[in-house]
Amino acid sequence: MHYKNKRKHKEYFGIIENSVEWWTDKLKNDKLKFAPRVNVAFAFKVNGLSVIRVTQGQLKLKDGQVIKLTDDNIAADGSGYTKSDKLRAIYKL
């Protein structure tokens, strides 16, 4: 799919919706170890908003940890692109 100017269309949301189970299943891999408190950041605004909407604002990890996903997890500025100071704030660096 050519994504330019299409990430706000319902078809793009459908791609996210149809793939979310696949990538959340990857997080259940027994070889993965998670910190007691996981921080999640989205590099791009539109993508982050789509994931937040599809997951209904919650990401559940295999250890029972539930991560709330909100606009605060988006590390993008007004242009929609990643801002390094926002990433540092989300990851508490």
N, C-alpha and C. Protein backbone atom coordinates (compact mmCIF):
# COMPACT_ATOMS: atom_id res chain seq x y z
N MET A 1 0.85 -1.18 0.00
CA MET A 1 0.00 0.00 0.00
C MET A 1 0.89 1.24 0.00
N HIS A 2 0.60 2.17 -0.84
CA HIS A 2 1.28 3.46 -0.85
C HIS A 2 0.66 4.27 0.28
N TYR A 3 1.47 4.61 1.31
CA TYR A 3 0.94 5.22 2.53
C TYR A 3 0.82 6.74 2.51
N LYS A 4 1.49 7.39 1.59
CA LYS A 4 1.48 8.86 1.61
C LYS A 4 0.05 9.39 1.57
N ASN A 5 -0.27 10.21 2.57
CA ASN A 5 -1.60 10.82 2.71
C ASN A 5 -2.73 9.81 2.89
N LYS A 6 -2.42 8.59 3.32
CA LYS A 6 -3.47 7.56 3.48
C LYS A 6 -3.60 7.04 4.90
N ARG A 7 -2.72 7.45 5.78
CA ARG A 7 -2.75 6.91 7.14
C ARG A 7 -3.98 7.34 7.93
N LYS A 8 -4.69 8.30 7.45
CA LYS A 8 -5.92 8.73 8.14
C LYS A 8 -7.16 8.08 7.54
N HIS A 9 -7.00 7.26 6.52
CA HIS A 9 -8.13 6.60 5.88
C HIS A 9 -8.52 5.34 6.64
N LYS A 10 -9.75 4.93 6.50
CA LYS A 10 -10.23 3.74 7.21
C LYS A 10 -9.49 2.48 6.76
N GLU A 11 -9.00 2.45 5.52
CA GLU A 11 -8.27 1.28 5.05
C GLU A 11 -6.97 1.09 5.83
N TYR A 12 -6.30 2.20 6.13
CA TYR A 12 -5.07 2.12 6.92
C TYR A 12 -5.40 1.62 8.33
N PHE A 13 -6.45 2.14 8.92
CA PHE A 13 -6.87 1.67 10.23
C PHE A 13 -7.16 0.17 10.17
N GLY A 14 -7.74 -0.29 9.08
CA GLY A 14 -8.02 -1.73 8.91
C GLY A 14 -6.75 -2.56 8.90
N ILE A 15 -5.68 -2.03 8.31
CA ILE A 15 -4.41 -2.74 8.31
C ILE A 15 -3.90 -2.89 9.75
N ILE A 16 -3.97 -1.81 10.50
CA ILE A 16 -3.54 -1.86 11.91
C ILE A 16 -4.42 -2.83 12.69
N GLU A 17 -5.71 -2.72 12.50
CA GLU A 17 -6.67 -3.57 13.21
C GLU A 17 -6.43 -5.05 12.91
N ASN A 18 -6.15 -5.36 11.65
CA ASN A 18 -5.94 -6.75 11.25
C ASN A 18 -4.59 -7.31 11.65
N SER A 19 -3.63 -6.45 11.99
CA SER A 19 -2.30 -6.93 12.34
C SER A 19 -2.00 -6.87 13.84
N VAL A 20 -2.84 -6.22 14.61
CA VAL A 20 -2.54 -6.04 16.04
C VAL A 20 -2.43 -7.37 16.78
N GLU A 21 -3.23 -8.33 16.46
CA GLU A 21 -3.14 -9.63 17.13
C GLU A 21 -1.82 -10.31 16.82
N TRP A 22 -1.35 -10.18 15.59
CA TRP A 22 -0.07 -10.77 15.19
C TRP A 22 1.07 -10.21 16.03
N TRP A 23 1.15 -8.86 16.14
CA TRP A 23 2.29 -8.30 16.88
C TRP A 23 2.13 -8.43 18.38
N THR A 24 0.91 -8.48 18.90
CA THR A 24 0.78 -8.71 20.35
C THR A 24 1.12 -10.16 20.69
N ASP A 25 0.85 -11.08 19.77
CA ASP A 25 1.27 -12.47 19.98
C ASP A 25 2.80 -12.57 20.06
N LYS A 26 3.51 -11.76 19.30
CA LYS A 26 4.97 -11.75 19.34
C LYS A 26 5.47 -11.36 20.73
N LEU A 27 4.72 -10.53 21.43
CA LEU A 27 5.12 -10.10 22.77
C LEU A 27 4.95 -11.22 23.81
N LYS A 28 4.29 -12.29 23.44
CA LYS A 28 4.07 -13.41 24.35
C LYS A 28 5.17 -14.48 24.26
N ASN A 29 6.17 -14.23 23.42
CA ASN A 29 7.26 -15.17 23.23
C ASN A 29 7.97 -15.42 24.56
N ASP A 30 8.18 -16.70 24.89
CA ASP A 30 8.81 -17.07 26.16
C ASP A 30 10.25 -16.56 26.28
N LYS A 31 10.90 -16.28 25.18
CA LYS A 31 12.28 -15.78 25.22
C LYS A 31 12.36 -14.31 25.59
N LEU A 32 11.25 -13.60 25.54
CA LEU A 32 11.25 -12.18 25.89
C LEU A 32 11.12 -12.00 27.39
N LYS A 33 11.89 -11.08 27.91
CA LYS A 33 11.82 -10.70 29.32
C LYS A 33 11.50 -9.22 29.38
N PHE A 34 10.59 -8.84 30.25
CA PHE A 34 10.17 -7.45 30.38
C PHE A 34 10.60 -6.88 31.72
N ALA A 35 10.90 -5.61 31.70
CA ALA A 35 11.20 -4.89 32.94
C ALA A 35 9.91 -4.84 33.77
N PRO A 36 10.04 -4.61 35.07
CA PRO A 36 8.84 -4.52 35.91
C PRO A 36 7.89 -3.41 35.46
N ARG A 37 8.45 -2.38 34.85
CA ARG A 37 7.60 -1.30 34.34
C ARG A 37 8.05 -0.95 32.92
N VAL A 38 7.25 -1.34 31.95
CA VAL A 38 7.58 -1.11 30.54
C VAL A 38 7.02 0.24 30.10
N ASN A 39 7.81 0.99 29.38
CA ASN A 39 7.37 2.25 28.78
C ASN A 39 7.24 2.05 27.28
N VAL A 40 6.18 2.56 26.71
CA VAL A 40 5.92 2.44 25.28
C VAL A 40 5.88 3.83 24.67
N ALA A 41 6.55 3.98 23.53
CA ALA A 41 6.52 5.25 22.80
C ALA A 41 6.18 4.97 21.35
N PHE A 42 5.37 5.83 20.78
CA PHE A 42 5.06 5.77 19.35
C PHE A 42 5.83 6.89 18.67
N ALA A 43 6.54 6.56 17.62
CA ALA A 43 7.36 7.55 16.92
C ALA A 43 6.53 8.50 16.09
N PHE A 44 5.39 8.05 15.61
CA PHE A 44 4.58 8.87 14.72
C PHE A 44 3.16 9.00 15.26
N LYS A 45 2.62 10.17 15.14
CA LYS A 45 1.31 10.49 15.73
C LYS A 45 0.17 9.66 15.17
N VAL A 46 0.01 9.67 13.85
CA VAL A 46 -1.14 8.98 13.25
C VAL A 46 -1.07 7.48 13.50
N ASN A 47 0.12 6.90 13.39
CA ASN A 47 0.27 5.47 13.67
C ASN A 47 -0.07 5.17 15.13
N GLY A 48 0.47 6.00 16.04
CA GLY A 48 0.21 5.81 17.46
C GLY A 48 -1.26 5.89 17.79
N LEU A 49 -1.94 6.89 17.23
CA LEU A 49 -3.38 7.03 17.48
C LEU A 49 -4.15 5.82 16.99
N SER A 50 -3.73 5.26 15.86
CA SER A 50 -4.41 4.06 15.33
C SER A 50 -4.21 2.87 16.26
N VAL A 51 -2.99 2.67 16.75
CA VAL A 51 -2.72 1.56 17.66
C VAL A 51 -3.48 1.74 18.97
N ILE A 52 -3.50 2.95 19.49
CA ILE A 52 -4.23 3.23 20.72
C ILE A 52 -5.71 2.89 20.53
N ARG A 53 -6.26 3.29 19.41
CA ARG A 53 -7.68 3.04 19.14
C ARG A 53 -7.96 1.54 19.00
N VAL A 54 -7.13 0.83 18.25
CA VAL A 54 -7.33 -0.61 18.05
C VAL A 54 -7.23 -1.38 19.35
N THR A 55 -6.27 -1.01 20.19
CA THR A 55 -6.06 -1.74 21.45
C THR A 55 -6.96 -1.25 22.58
N GLN A 56 -7.78 -0.27 22.28
CA GLN A 56 -8.64 0.37 23.27
C GLN A 56 -7.83 0.90 24.44
N GLY A 57 -6.60 1.35 24.12
CA GLY A 57 -5.76 2.00 25.11
C GLY A 57 -5.09 1.10 26.11
N GLN A 58 -5.01 -0.21 25.81
CA GLN A 58 -4.34 -1.13 26.73
C GLN A 58 -3.53 -2.16 25.97
N LEU A 59 -2.31 -2.35 26.44
CA LEU A 59 -1.44 -3.39 25.90
C LEU A 59 -1.15 -4.35 27.04
N LYS A 60 -1.53 -5.61 26.86
CA LYS A 60 -1.35 -6.61 27.91
C LYS A 60 -0.15 -7.48 27.58
N LEU A 61 0.78 -7.55 28.54
CA LEU A 61 1.97 -8.38 28.36
C LEU A 61 1.76 -9.74 29.00
N LYS A 62 2.62 -10.69 28.64
CA LYS A 62 2.47 -12.07 29.10
C LYS A 62 2.59 -12.22 30.61
N ASP A 63 3.28 -11.30 31.26
CA ASP A 63 3.45 -11.39 32.71
C ASP A 63 2.28 -10.77 33.48
N GLY A 64 1.24 -10.37 32.75
CA GLY A 64 0.07 -9.78 33.36
C GLY A 64 0.13 -8.25 33.45
N GLN A 65 1.28 -7.70 33.10
CA GLN A 65 1.44 -6.26 33.12
C GLN A 65 0.54 -5.63 32.05
N VAL A 66 -0.19 -4.60 32.44
CA VAL A 66 -1.05 -3.89 31.51
C VAL A 66 -0.49 -2.48 31.35
N ILE A 67 -0.22 -2.11 30.12
CA ILE A 67 0.34 -0.80 29.82
C ILE A 67 -0.78 0.05 29.23
N LYS A 68 -1.04 1.18 29.85
CA LYS A 68 -2.05 2.10 29.33
C LYS A 68 -1.43 2.89 28.18
N LEU A 69 -2.15 2.95 27.08
CA LEU A 69 -1.69 3.68 25.90
C LEU A 69 -2.58 4.90 25.71
N THR A 70 -1.95 6.07 25.73
CA THR A 70 -2.66 7.32 25.57
C THR A 70 -1.87 8.23 24.64
N ASP A 71 -2.39 9.41 24.42
CA ASP A 71 -1.67 10.41 23.63
C ASP A 71 -0.31 10.72 24.24
N ASP A 72 -0.16 10.51 25.54
CA ASP A 72 1.11 10.78 26.22
C ASP A 72 2.22 9.84 25.74
N ASN A 73 1.87 8.74 25.10
CA ASN A 73 2.86 7.80 24.57
C ASN A 73 3.37 8.20 23.19
N ILE A 74 2.80 9.24 22.63
CA ILE A 74 3.19 9.66 21.28
C ILE A 74 4.36 10.64 21.38
N ALA A 75 5.45 10.28 20.73
CA ALA A 75 6.68 11.08 20.79
C ALA A 75 6.82 12.00 19.59
N ALA A 76 5.72 12.35 18.99
CA ALA A 76 5.75 13.21 17.80
C ALA A 76 5.35 14.63 18.18
N ASP A 77 5.86 15.57 17.41
CA ASP A 77 5.50 16.97 17.62
C ASP A 77 4.29 17.30 16.73
N GLY A 78 3.98 18.57 16.59
CA GLY A 78 2.82 18.99 15.81
C GLY A 78 2.88 18.57 14.35
N SER A 79 4.07 18.32 13.83
CA SER A 79 4.20 17.88 12.44
C SER A 79 3.85 16.41 12.28
N GLY A 80 3.77 15.68 13.41
CA GLY A 80 3.47 14.26 13.36
C GLY A 80 4.71 13.38 13.36
N TYR A 81 5.90 14.00 13.38
CA TYR A 81 7.14 13.24 13.35
C TYR A 81 7.83 13.23 14.71
N THR A 82 8.68 12.24 14.93
CA THR A 82 9.33 12.01 16.21
C THR A 82 10.13 13.21 16.69
N LYS A 83 10.00 13.49 17.97
CA LYS A 83 10.73 14.58 18.62
C LYS A 83 11.57 13.94 19.73
N SER A 84 12.87 14.10 19.68
CA SER A 84 13.76 13.41 20.61
C SER A 84 13.49 13.75 22.08
N ASP A 85 13.13 15.00 22.37
CA ASP A 85 12.86 15.33 23.78
C ASP A 85 11.62 14.64 24.30
N LYS A 86 10.65 14.40 23.42
CA LYS A 86 9.45 13.67 23.83
C LYS A 86 9.80 12.20 24.09
N LEU A 87 10.66 11.62 23.26
CA LEU A 87 11.10 10.24 23.49
C LEU A 87 11.81 10.13 24.84
N ARG A 88 12.70 11.06 25.13
CA ARG A 88 13.41 11.02 26.41
C ARG A 88 12.45 11.13 27.58
N ALA A 89 11.44 11.95 27.44
CA ALA A 89 10.46 12.10 28.52
C ALA A 89 9.66 10.82 28.73
N ILE A 90 9.22 10.21 27.65
CA ILE A 90 8.45 8.96 27.75
C ILE A 90 9.28 7.85 28.39
N TYR A 91 10.55 7.74 27.95
CA TYR A 91 11.43 6.70 28.48
C TYR A 91 12.12 7.10 29.78
N LYS A 92 11.81 8.31 30.25
CA LYS A 92 12.37 8.82 31.50
C LYS A 92 13.90 8.78 31.50
N LEU A 93 14.48 9.30 30.42
CA LEU A 93 15.94 9.35 30.26
C LEU A 93 16.49 10.72 30.60
